[in-house]
Amino acid sequence: MEDQIGKYVEEKELYPQSKKKQRIIENSNIFILGNQYQEHMIQTMLGSSSNDGSISRIAQDHIFSILLLLPIQSILSFAMSCKKFQSLANSDPLWEAICRREWGHNSVDALKTNQYKHKVSWKKLYQQAYQMDTVYCHRILKEFDCGDVLPSPRASHSLNYVSGCLVLFGGGCEGGRHLDDTWVAYIGNDFKKMLKWQKIDADIPTGRFGHSCVVIDDSLILFGGINDKGIRQNDTWVGEIQMQDRSGISLSWRLLDVGSNAPPTRGAHAACCIDSRRMLIHGGIGLSGLRLGDTWILNLSENLNFGSWQEIMTNSSPSSRSGHTLTHLGGTQTVLFGGRGMGYQVLSDVWLFDTSEDHWRWMHLSFEPRNVPHGFSLPRVGHSTTLVLGGRLLIYGGEDAYRNRKDDFWVLDISSLPSSTMQPFTLKQKEEFDKMWRRLKIQGDKPNCRSFHRDCVDQSGCYLYLFGGMVDGLLQRAESSGLQFDGGLFLVELLHS
């Protein structure tokens, strides 16, 4: 039995939610159930009247159904019962079903069409996703042929993955000018290290930077932004992709009817989709450069022909800021991180926005600075935050209060918090911080330090596309800032075969 315990502990330590070896041994009831208790439990769940009490005769698909009701730790424990159950609990069909349960059907279906999955079992894929400690970066070749026209360097633009395409719109460039161009590049069901950009001819929306653009179903919802004259916008647009055989890809924009009630004009705010018909925005820079701290939700009609804005008032909420991020975790929770505050300080706070039971509320998740590893700097503005495979957030780049740009990748794992936590929560121990925050190593074509870039993830959640941003440049006599705008496109792989 001790050998089994040791083997079980080693296998459990593959996963971040596993307990420490000593705790597992002390709490032996979790996994030393004994065959009789396991059989009784499963027979009870099935309502079986078998006299021999053996579960070895239960059909494999019934056992799969039972295992899919259990957490990962219990499945690994079940595998230790006997050789037959070990084979069942390690089978590829079961782990594909587990991945569907925890990652969703869209991610798994996308992975099944990808070359990567054909080389790795689903259990191994699951293990790699939760052990992720490295990202693999590739600079995508831009030149498809010598005559290609490419998107110009820019920052504070939008970049989205929708209907198998990358869609790039607007942004700011050198001289403080805005851009009003729209570009698309088809990717499909597989990642590509070479692609062809196609410019879309459209006069609307008007040029801007610092706007937000989110994906709802197969449509884009764009809001706000700032033009060359510093004028803030509060218009809302819907963009739809059409795939055509001969003419390639087309994208049409139309102004959304939202009635007379709308958020104040702004740019550099944060936004995300929180379900199939609602978009959440927070903060930004309003009139006279004032930073805002309000929260609004856009409720969309079924056909996306009209919408209505609703301001959300709560007892506590994040302070006013700009250049921060909002990322929906799925279910009822959304994460806000970082940004620049009222006093131009750069922030590192994390907030959860919860919509359960239609009761809106913000919850602050704090940590003690002494728990941050030496040499690591979490406060940032102009970073990107993306939901990736496994329900974690991937944070990249940004800049600190001294405008030092960053090139680091971090994983923020909110699932490490107690599920019952709906009150302000402080990470008081370094172990708690290490579970929630993890810095990743970078291999391949390391992107330069940058801020106010944009990125998006494909439908598998494994491949991140990163474009543009402000990067550090060499100071010239005619320049006081030394800023450069980048036009590079990178593919970031989260798993590597």
Protein backbone atom coordinates (compact mmCIF):
# COMPACT_ATOMS: atom_id res chain seq x y z
CA MET A 1 0.00 0.00 0.00
CA GLU A 2 2.85 2.43 0.71
CA ASP A 3 4.15 1.79 -2.81
CA GLN A 4 0.73 2.67 -4.16
CA ILE A 5 0.63 5.80 -2.04
CA GLY A 6 4.04 6.87 -3.30
CA LYS A 7 3.07 6.24 -6.91
CA TYR A 8 -0.16 8.14 -6.43
CA VAL A 9 1.63 11.08 -4.84
CA GLU A 10 4.12 11.26 -7.71
CA GLU A 11 1.31 11.24 -10.25
CA LYS A 12 -0.72 13.83 -8.34
CA GLU A 13 2.23 16.21 -8.24
CA LEU A 14 1.91 16.57 -12.01
CA TYR A 15 -1.03 18.89 -11.39
CA PRO A 16 -1.00 22.29 -9.66
CA GLN A 17 -4.13 21.61 -7.60
CA SER A 18 -2.56 18.56 -5.96
CA LYS A 19 -1.91 18.53 -2.22
CA LYS A 20 1.49 18.17 -0.62
CA LYS A 21 2.72 14.63 -0.10
CA GLN A 22 2.49 14.84 3.68
CA ARG A 23 -1.08 16.11 3.56
CA ILE A 24 -2.09 13.32 1.17
CA ILE A 25 -0.66 10.65 3.46
CA GLU A 26 -2.27 12.17 6.55
CA ASN A 27 -5.63 12.52 4.85
CA SER A 28 -5.55 8.94 3.68
CA ASN A 29 -9.34 8.63 3.46
CA ILE A 30 -9.19 10.66 0.27
CA PHE A 31 -7.44 7.91 -1.67
CA ILE A 32 -7.09 4.76 0.47
CA LEU A 33 -10.74 3.97 0.06
CA GLY A 34 -10.29 0.24 -0.40
CA ASN A 35 -12.02 -1.69 -3.12
CA GLN A 36 -15.08 -2.44 -0.98
CA TYR A 37 -15.86 1.22 -0.26
CA GLN A 38 -15.25 2.24 -3.89
CA GLU A 39 -17.50 -0.53 -5.10
CA HIS A 40 -20.22 0.42 -2.61
CA MET A 41 -20.01 4.09 -3.62
CA ILE A 42 -20.26 3.36 -7.33
CA GLN A 43 -22.94 0.70 -6.92
CA THR A 44 -24.97 3.23 -4.93
CA MET A 45 -24.57 5.85 -7.67
CA LEU A 46 -25.69 3.34 -10.29
CA GLY A 47 -28.51 1.90 -8.19
CA SER A 48 -27.20 -1.60 -8.88
CA SER A 49 -28.67 -4.65 -7.15
CA SER A 50 -25.78 -6.95 -7.96
CA ASN A 51 -25.13 -9.47 -5.20
CA ASP A 52 -21.42 -9.89 -5.76
CA GLY A 53 -20.73 -6.18 -5.17
CA SER A 54 -18.14 -6.12 -7.94
CA ILE A 55 -17.85 -3.13 -10.24
CA SER A 56 -15.56 -4.97 -12.59
CA ARG A 57 -18.59 -6.10 -14.59
CA ILE A 58 -19.92 -2.59 -15.18
CA ALA A 59 -19.75 -1.53 -18.82
CA GLN A 60 -16.84 0.75 -19.68
CA ASP A 61 -19.06 3.61 -20.82
CA HIS A 62 -20.90 3.53 -17.47
CA ILE A 63 -17.60 3.75 -15.60
CA PHE A 64 -16.56 6.67 -17.84
CA SER A 65 -19.82 8.42 -16.94
CA ILE A 66 -19.06 7.96 -13.24
CA LEU A 67 -15.47 9.13 -13.53
CA LEU A 68 -16.54 12.29 -15.34
CA LEU A 69 -18.50 13.24 -12.22
CA LEU A 70 -15.31 13.19 -10.13
CA PRO A 71 -12.45 15.68 -9.72
CA ILE A 72 -9.05 14.87 -11.22
CA GLN A 73 -7.63 13.77 -7.86
CA SER A 74 -10.35 11.15 -7.44
CA ILE A 75 -9.83 9.84 -10.97
CA LEU A 76 -6.13 9.37 -10.28
CA SER A 77 -7.02 7.63 -7.03
CA PHE A 78 -9.47 5.34 -8.85
CA ALA A 79 -6.68 4.35 -11.24
CA MET A 80 -4.76 2.85 -8.31
CA SER A 81 -7.48 0.28 -7.50
CA CYS A 82 -6.45 -2.43 -9.95
CA LYS A 83 -4.90 -2.94 -13.37
CA LYS A 84 -8.24 -2.85 -15.18
CA PHE A 85 -9.28 0.43 -13.59
CA GLN A 86 -5.82 1.86 -14.19
CA SER A 87 -6.20 1.11 -17.88
CA LEU A 88 -9.68 2.66 -17.99
CA ALA A 89 -8.70 5.74 -16.00
CA ASN A 90 -5.70 6.36 -18.28
CA SER A 91 -7.53 5.77 -21.56
CA ASP A 92 -7.47 8.44 -24.26
CA PRO A 93 -11.29 8.60 -24.70
CA LEU A 94 -11.74 9.31 -20.98
CA TRP A 95 -9.15 12.09 -20.97
CA GLU A 96 -10.62 13.62 -24.11
CA ALA A 97 -13.94 13.75 -22.25
CA ILE A 98 -12.19 15.30 -19.21
CA CYS A 99 -10.64 17.96 -21.46
CA ARG A 100 -14.07 18.69 -22.93
CA ARG A 101 -15.48 19.00 -19.43
CA GLU A 102 -12.83 21.45 -18.25
CA TRP A 103 -11.87 23.31 -21.46
CA GLY A 104 -15.12 23.25 -23.44
CA HIS A 105 -16.09 21.64 -26.73
CA ASN A 106 -14.75 24.44 -28.93
CA SER A 107 -11.20 24.15 -27.60
CA VAL A 108 -11.12 20.36 -27.89
CA ASP A 109 -12.64 20.32 -31.38
CA ALA A 110 -10.05 22.89 -32.49
CA LEU A 111 -7.23 20.82 -31.00
CA LYS A 112 -8.48 17.69 -32.75
CA THR A 113 -8.08 19.38 -36.12
CA ASN A 114 -4.62 20.64 -35.18
CA GLN A 115 -1.41 18.83 -36.04
CA TYR A 116 -0.25 19.02 -32.43
CA LYS A 117 -2.92 16.69 -31.04
CA HIS A 118 -1.98 13.84 -33.40
CA LYS A 119 1.35 13.49 -31.57
CA VAL A 120 0.22 13.62 -27.93
CA SER A 121 -2.35 11.73 -25.84
CA TRP A 122 -5.15 13.71 -24.21
CA LYS A 123 -3.82 12.91 -20.74
CA LYS A 124 -0.39 14.21 -21.74
CA LEU A 125 -1.99 17.27 -23.27
CA TYR A 126 -3.92 17.92 -20.05
CA GLN A 127 -0.72 17.50 -18.03
CA GLN A 128 1.25 19.89 -20.25
CA ALA A 129 -1.50 22.52 -20.07
CA TYR A 130 -1.49 22.60 -16.27
CA GLN A 131 2.28 22.30 -15.96
CA MET A 132 2.85 25.09 -18.48
CA ASP A 133 6.07 26.93 -17.63
CA THR A 134 7.33 28.01 -21.06
CA VAL A 135 5.96 29.80 -24.11
CA TYR A 136 7.37 29.34 -27.60
CA CYS A 137 7.45 32.49 -29.75
CA HIS A 138 7.74 32.68 -33.53
CA ARG A 139 7.92 35.85 -35.59
CA ILE A 140 5.40 35.26 -38.35
CA LEU A 141 6.80 35.81 -41.82
CA LYS A 142 5.04 38.82 -43.24
CA GLU A 143 6.15 38.61 -46.87
CA PHE A 144 3.91 36.22 -48.78
CA ASP A 145 5.17 37.75 -52.00
CA CYS A 146 7.16 40.83 -52.85
CA GLY A 147 4.07 42.85 -53.77
CA ASP A 148 2.25 42.49 -50.46
CA VAL A 149 0.95 45.55 -48.63
CA LEU A 150 1.17 45.16 -44.87
CA PRO A 151 -0.38 46.86 -41.84
CA SER A 152 1.77 49.77 -40.73
CA PRO A 153 3.32 49.86 -37.22
CA ARG A 154 0.86 51.02 -34.55
CA ALA A 155 -0.24 50.85 -30.91
CA SER A 156 -3.55 51.02 -29.00
CA HIS A 157 -5.33 49.30 -31.91
CA SER A 158 -7.66 46.29 -31.72
CA LEU A 159 -6.83 42.71 -32.72
CA ASN A 160 -9.46 39.95 -32.61
CA TYR A 161 -9.85 36.35 -33.71
CA VAL A 162 -13.29 35.83 -35.26
CA SER A 163 -14.65 33.36 -37.84
CA GLY A 164 -11.19 31.87 -38.32
CA CYS A 165 -9.65 35.29 -39.10
CA LEU A 166 -7.44 37.88 -37.45
CA VAL A 167 -9.08 41.31 -37.65
CA LEU A 168 -6.94 44.42 -37.04
CA PHE A 169 -8.47 47.89 -36.79
CA GLY A 170 -7.22 51.40 -36.13
CA GLY A 171 -4.61 52.43 -33.58
CA GLY A 172 -2.16 55.27 -33.13
CA CYS A 173 1.14 55.78 -34.95
CA GLU A 174 4.10 58.17 -35.06
CA GLY A 175 3.23 61.83 -34.82
CA GLY A 176 0.20 61.16 -32.62
CA ARG A 177 -1.95 60.33 -35.64
CA HIS A 178 -4.79 57.82 -35.61
CA LEU A 179 -5.35 55.11 -38.22
CA ASP A 180 -8.69 54.20 -39.76
CA ASP A 181 -7.74 51.05 -41.69
CA THR A 182 -9.09 47.52 -41.23
CA TRP A 183 -7.05 44.40 -42.04
CA VAL A 184 -7.95 40.71 -42.05
CA ALA A 185 -5.87 37.53 -42.36
CA TYR A 186 -7.37 34.06 -42.64
CA ILE A 187 -6.02 31.41 -40.25
CA GLY A 188 -8.72 28.73 -40.16
CA ASN A 189 -8.49 25.71 -37.88
CA ASP A 190 -4.71 25.52 -37.72
CA PHE A 191 -2.02 27.92 -36.61
CA LYS A 192 0.17 29.41 -39.33
CA LYS A 193 3.69 30.78 -39.30
CA MET A 194 3.07 32.64 -42.55
CA LEU A 195 -0.10 34.50 -43.51
CA LYS A 196 -1.41 37.05 -45.96
CA TRP A 197 -2.98 40.33 -44.81
CA GLN A 198 -5.86 41.77 -46.80
CA LYS A 199 -6.88 45.41 -46.43
CA ILE A 200 -10.63 46.06 -46.18
CA ASP A 201 -11.94 49.19 -47.89
CA ALA A 202 -14.33 50.93 -45.50
CA ASP A 203 -14.91 54.53 -44.45
CA ILE A 204 -16.41 53.55 -41.10
CA PRO A 205 -15.84 53.47 -38.21
CA THR A 206 -13.86 56.70 -38.20
CA GLY A 207 -10.18 56.48 -37.30
CA ARG A 208 -9.31 56.13 -33.62
CA PHE A 209 -7.00 54.59 -31.04
CA GLY A 210 -7.60 53.41 -27.47
CA HIS A 211 -10.95 51.91 -28.46
CA SER A 212 -12.21 48.48 -27.37
CA CYS A 213 -13.35 45.65 -29.60
CA VAL A 214 -14.71 42.28 -28.40
CA VAL A 215 -16.08 39.16 -30.09
CA ILE A 216 -19.69 38.08 -29.52
CA ASP A 217 -20.67 34.99 -31.49
CA ASP A 218 -19.21 35.67 -34.95
CA SER A 219 -19.47 39.47 -34.69
CA LEU A 220 -17.26 42.28 -33.44
CA ILE A 221 -18.56 44.92 -31.00
CA LEU A 222 -16.46 48.12 -31.03
CA PHE A 223 -16.85 51.00 -28.57
CA GLY A 224 -15.26 54.41 -28.00
CA GLY A 225 -11.72 55.56 -28.66
CA ILE A 226 -9.81 58.80 -29.28
CA ASN A 227 -9.12 60.62 -32.57
CA ASP A 228 -6.24 62.89 -33.69
CA LYS A 229 -7.74 65.95 -32.03
CA GLY A 230 -8.05 64.19 -28.69
CA ILE A 231 -11.83 63.93 -29.02
CA ARG A 232 -13.25 60.94 -27.14
CA GLN A 233 -15.97 58.80 -28.70
CA ASN A 234 -18.85 56.80 -27.22
CA ASP A 235 -20.29 55.23 -30.35
CA THR A 236 -20.93 51.48 -30.62
CA TRP A 237 -20.36 49.49 -33.84
CA VAL A 238 -21.04 45.94 -35.02
CA GLY A 239 -18.67 44.27 -37.49
CA GLU A 240 -19.43 41.09 -39.40
CA ILE A 241 -17.08 38.89 -41.47
CA GLN A 242 -18.18 37.38 -44.77
CA MET A 243 -16.15 34.68 -46.52
CA GLN A 244 -16.43 34.82 -50.31
CA ASP A 245 -14.82 32.42 -52.77
CA ARG A 246 -13.59 34.88 -55.40
CA SER A 247 -13.15 38.16 -53.60
CA GLY A 248 -11.72 36.65 -50.42
CA ILE A 249 -12.84 38.15 -47.11
CA SER A 250 -15.10 41.12 -46.56
CA LEU A 251 -16.00 42.92 -43.35
CA SER A 252 -18.96 45.23 -42.93
CA TRP A 253 -19.45 47.71 -40.07
CA ARG A 254 -22.75 49.27 -38.95
CA LEU A 255 -23.57 51.71 -36.17
CA LEU A 256 -25.52 50.04 -33.37
CA ASP A 257 -28.70 51.68 -32.14
CA VAL A 258 -28.31 52.00 -28.34
CA GLY A 259 -30.89 54.70 -27.64
CA SER A 260 -30.17 57.92 -25.78
CA ASN A 261 -28.42 56.40 -22.73
CA ALA A 262 -24.73 55.66 -23.29
CA PRO A 263 -21.51 55.79 -21.24
CA PRO A 264 -19.60 59.09 -21.28
CA THR A 265 -17.05 59.43 -24.08
CA ARG A 266 -13.70 57.74 -23.38
CA GLY A 267 -10.62 55.94 -24.64
CA ALA A 268 -8.00 53.61 -23.13
CA HIS A 269 -10.76 51.83 -21.22
CA ALA A 270 -11.10 48.06 -20.71
CA ALA A 271 -13.82 45.82 -22.15
CA CYS A 272 -14.76 42.18 -22.57
CA CYS A 273 -17.71 39.98 -23.49
CA ILE A 274 -19.31 38.43 -20.38
CA ASP A 275 -21.82 36.17 -22.11
CA SER A 276 -23.41 35.66 -25.51
CA ARG A 277 -25.25 39.01 -25.45
CA ARG A 278 -23.48 41.31 -22.98
CA MET A 279 -20.32 43.43 -23.03
CA LEU A 280 -18.69 44.93 -19.91
CA ILE A 281 -16.56 48.12 -19.90
CA HIS A 282 -14.73 49.89 -17.09
CA GLY A 283 -12.74 53.10 -16.68
CA GLY A 284 -10.67 54.86 -19.33
CA ILE A 285 -9.75 58.48 -20.06
CA GLY A 286 -12.68 60.84 -20.40
CA LEU A 287 -13.08 64.56 -21.04
CA SER A 288 -10.13 66.82 -20.12
CA GLY A 289 -7.95 63.74 -19.60
CA LEU A 290 -9.85 62.70 -16.47
CA ARG A 291 -9.54 59.03 -15.59
CA LEU A 292 -12.84 57.26 -15.01
CA GLY A 293 -13.87 54.52 -12.59
CA ASP A 294 -17.38 53.69 -13.77
CA THR A 295 -18.69 50.29 -14.89
CA TRP A 296 -21.22 49.76 -17.70
CA ILE A 297 -22.86 46.75 -19.33
CA LEU A 298 -24.16 46.69 -22.90
CA ASN A 299 -27.17 44.38 -23.31
CA LEU A 300 -27.57 43.28 -26.93
CA SER A 301 -30.65 42.04 -28.75
CA GLU A 302 -30.73 38.51 -30.15
CA ASN A 303 -30.01 39.67 -33.69
CA LEU A 304 -27.54 42.39 -32.61
CA ASN A 305 -29.70 45.05 -34.25
CA PHE A 306 -29.93 47.20 -31.14
CA GLY A 307 -28.60 47.39 -27.58
CA SER A 308 -29.05 49.21 -24.29
CA TRP A 309 -26.38 50.49 -21.89
CA GLN A 310 -26.76 50.09 -18.12
CA GLU A 311 -24.46 51.65 -15.52
CA ILE A 312 -23.53 49.27 -12.70
CA MET A 313 -23.41 50.77 -9.21
CA THR A 314 -21.79 48.71 -6.44
CA ASN A 315 -20.72 49.30 -2.83
CA SER A 316 -17.04 48.88 -3.69
CA SER A 317 -15.31 49.00 -7.06
CA PRO A 318 -11.87 49.44 -8.64
CA SER A 319 -10.43 52.93 -8.54
CA SER A 320 -10.34 55.15 -11.62
CA ARG A 321 -7.77 54.03 -14.18
CA SER A 322 -6.81 53.60 -17.83
CA GLY A 323 -4.72 51.11 -19.80
CA HIS A 324 -5.96 48.18 -17.71
CA THR A 325 -7.56 44.90 -18.84
CA LEU A 326 -10.84 43.07 -18.33
CA THR A 327 -10.95 39.33 -19.07
CA HIS A 328 -13.97 37.04 -18.71
CA LEU A 329 -13.20 33.68 -17.05
CA GLY A 330 -16.42 32.02 -18.13
CA GLY A 331 -19.43 31.51 -15.91
CA THR A 332 -20.12 34.56 -13.76
CA GLN A 333 -16.61 35.96 -13.12
CA THR A 334 -14.47 38.57 -14.88
CA VAL A 335 -10.97 39.71 -13.87
CA LEU A 336 -9.67 43.30 -13.92
CA PHE A 337 -5.91 43.84 -13.65
CA GLY A 338 -3.50 46.77 -13.52
CA GLY A 339 -3.64 50.13 -15.32
CA ARG A 340 -2.66 53.73 -14.54
CA GLY A 341 -4.47 55.47 -11.69
CA MET A 342 -5.53 59.03 -10.95
CA GLY A 343 -2.13 60.06 -9.65
CA TYR A 344 -0.39 58.49 -12.67
CA GLN A 345 0.70 55.63 -10.45
CA VAL A 346 0.84 52.23 -12.15
CA LEU A 347 -1.29 49.59 -10.46
CA SER A 348 -1.00 45.86 -9.82
CA ASP A 349 -4.33 45.18 -8.14
CA VAL A 350 -6.68 42.38 -9.16
CA TRP A 351 -10.48 42.63 -8.97
CA LEU A 352 -13.19 40.07 -9.64
CA PHE A 353 -16.51 41.18 -11.12
CA ASP A 354 -19.28 38.68 -10.34
CA THR A 355 -22.70 38.53 -12.00
CA SER A 356 -24.20 35.54 -10.19
CA GLU A 357 -27.94 35.76 -9.51
CA ASP A 358 -28.01 39.11 -11.34
CA HIS A 359 -26.39 40.74 -8.32
CA TRP A 360 -23.43 42.79 -9.56
CA ARG A 361 -20.43 43.06 -7.25
CA TRP A 362 -16.70 43.80 -7.34
CA MET A 363 -14.30 41.88 -5.08
CA HIS A 364 -10.68 42.93 -4.42
CA LEU A 365 -7.93 40.28 -4.45
CA SER A 366 -4.78 41.66 -2.86
CA PHE A 367 -1.34 40.31 -2.03
CA GLU A 368 1.52 41.41 0.18
CA PRO A 369 4.45 42.89 -1.82
CA ARG A 370 6.95 40.84 0.20
CA ASN A 371 5.53 37.70 -1.43
CA VAL A 372 6.54 38.86 -4.92
CA PRO A 373 9.82 37.17 -5.94
CA HIS A 374 12.84 39.48 -5.89
CA GLY A 375 13.43 41.23 -9.20
CA PHE A 376 9.87 40.73 -10.48
CA SER A 377 7.66 43.75 -11.09
CA LEU A 378 3.92 43.17 -11.37
CA PRO A 379 2.54 46.77 -11.63
CA ARG A 380 1.89 47.56 -15.30
CA VAL A 381 -0.18 49.55 -17.77
CA GLY A 382 -0.66 48.92 -21.49
CA HIS A 383 -0.28 45.16 -21.07
CA SER A 384 -2.45 42.43 -22.56
CA THR A 385 -4.42 39.77 -20.69
CA THR A 386 -5.95 36.79 -22.50
CA LEU A 387 -7.92 33.75 -21.37
CA VAL A 388 -6.04 30.63 -22.53
CA LEU A 389 -6.42 26.88 -22.33
CA GLY A 390 -7.23 25.68 -18.81
CA GLY A 391 -9.10 28.82 -17.73
CA ARG A 392 -5.95 30.75 -16.77
CA LEU A 393 -5.03 34.31 -17.75
CA LEU A 394 -1.88 34.97 -19.78
CA ILE A 395 -0.47 38.45 -19.11
CA TYR A 396 2.20 39.92 -21.38
CA GLY A 397 4.26 43.11 -21.51
CA GLY A 398 3.15 46.60 -20.56
CA GLU A 399 5.17 49.29 -18.81
CA ASP A 400 5.84 50.43 -15.26
CA ALA A 401 5.60 53.88 -13.66
CA TYR A 402 8.98 54.87 -15.17
CA ARG A 403 7.84 53.78 -18.66
CA ASN A 404 10.18 50.82 -18.60
CA ARG A 405 8.59 48.39 -21.05
CA LYS A 406 8.36 44.69 -20.27
CA ASP A 407 8.71 41.46 -22.24
CA ASP A 408 7.57 39.01 -19.57
CA PHE A 409 4.76 36.44 -19.65
CA TRP A 410 2.78 35.65 -16.50
CA VAL A 411 0.04 33.14 -15.76
CA LEU A 412 -2.65 34.34 -13.33
CA ASP A 413 -4.67 31.40 -11.99
CA ILE A 414 -7.80 32.55 -10.15
CA SER A 415 -8.95 28.93 -9.72
CA SER A 416 -6.40 28.54 -6.92
CA LEU A 417 -8.65 30.66 -4.70
CA PRO A 418 -11.22 28.93 -2.47
CA SER A 419 -14.41 28.44 -4.48
CA SER A 420 -16.44 30.01 -1.68
CA THR A 421 -14.39 33.22 -1.70
CA MET A 422 -16.75 36.09 -2.46
CA GLN A 423 -15.26 38.59 -0.04
CA PRO A 424 -12.05 40.68 -0.32
CA PHE A 425 -9.16 38.22 -0.17
CA THR A 426 -5.48 38.77 0.65
CA LEU A 427 -2.65 36.40 -0.31
CA LYS A 428 -0.70 36.42 2.94
CA GLN A 429 1.64 33.50 2.29
CA LYS A 430 4.25 33.15 -0.45
CA GLU A 431 2.82 29.71 -1.26
CA GLU A 432 -0.56 31.28 -2.01
CA PHE A 433 1.08 33.84 -4.29
CA ASP A 434 3.04 31.13 -6.11
CA LYS A 435 -0.20 29.22 -6.79
CA MET A 436 -1.93 32.29 -8.19
CA TRP A 437 0.98 33.89 -10.09
CA ARG A 438 3.63 32.17 -12.19
CA ARG A 439 6.21 33.70 -14.52
CA LEU A 440 6.87 31.77 -17.71
CA LYS A 441 10.11 31.22 -19.60
CA ILE A 442 10.37 32.28 -23.24
CA GLN A 443 11.92 30.29 -26.08
CA GLY A 444 12.25 31.12 -29.76
CA ASP A 445 11.95 34.62 -31.24
CA LYS A 446 11.62 36.67 -28.11
CA PRO A 447 9.46 39.78 -28.73
CA ASN A 448 11.00 43.11 -27.81
CA CYS A 449 9.79 44.86 -24.70
CA ARG A 450 6.52 46.57 -25.61
CA SER A 451 3.37 48.21 -24.34
CA PHE A 452 -0.06 49.05 -25.75
CA HIS A 453 0.22 46.13 -28.15
CA ARG A 454 -2.74 43.79 -28.72
CA ASP A 455 -3.12 40.03 -28.79
CA CYS A 456 -5.82 37.42 -29.21
CA VAL A 457 -6.06 33.65 -28.93
CA ASP A 458 -7.45 31.16 -31.43
CA GLN A 459 -10.44 28.95 -30.60
CA SER A 460 -8.23 26.16 -29.19
CA GLY A 461 -6.82 28.50 -26.52
CA CYS A 462 -3.27 27.30 -27.31
CA TYR A 463 -2.08 29.78 -29.92
CA LEU A 464 -1.74 33.48 -29.21
CA TYR A 465 -1.27 36.11 -31.94
CA LEU A 466 0.47 39.32 -30.86
CA PHE A 467 0.76 42.47 -33.00
CA GLY A 468 2.27 45.93 -32.72
CA GLY A 469 2.76 48.16 -29.71
CA MET A 470 5.25 50.76 -28.59
CA VAL A 471 8.79 49.50 -28.26
CA ASP A 472 11.99 51.07 -26.99
CA GLY A 473 13.94 52.87 -29.72
CA LEU A 474 17.23 54.67 -30.05
CA LEU A 475 17.08 58.35 -29.16
CA GLN A 476 17.58 60.64 -32.15
CA ARG A 477 18.20 64.37 -32.06
CA ALA A 478 14.77 65.15 -33.43
CA GLU A 479 13.11 62.87 -30.94
CA SER A 480 12.58 63.43 -27.27
CA SER A 481 10.74 60.21 -26.51
CA GLY A 482 12.83 57.62 -28.27
CA LEU A 483 9.59 55.75 -29.00
CA GLN A 484 9.08 53.41 -31.90
CA PHE A 485 5.88 51.77 -33.10
CA ASP A 486 6.16 48.12 -34.03
CA GLY A 487 4.48 46.30 -36.91
CA GLY A 488 5.63 42.79 -36.12
CA LEU A 489 3.27 39.83 -35.74
CA PHE A 490 4.18 36.98 -33.38
CA LEU A 491 2.71 33.54 -32.82
CA VAL A 492 2.99 32.39 -29.20
CA GLU A 493 2.54 28.65 -28.64
CA LEU A 494 1.51 27.63 -25.13
CA LEU A 495 2.11 23.91 -25.75
CA HIS A 496 4.97 22.47 -27.75
CA SER A 497 5.18 19.02 -29.33
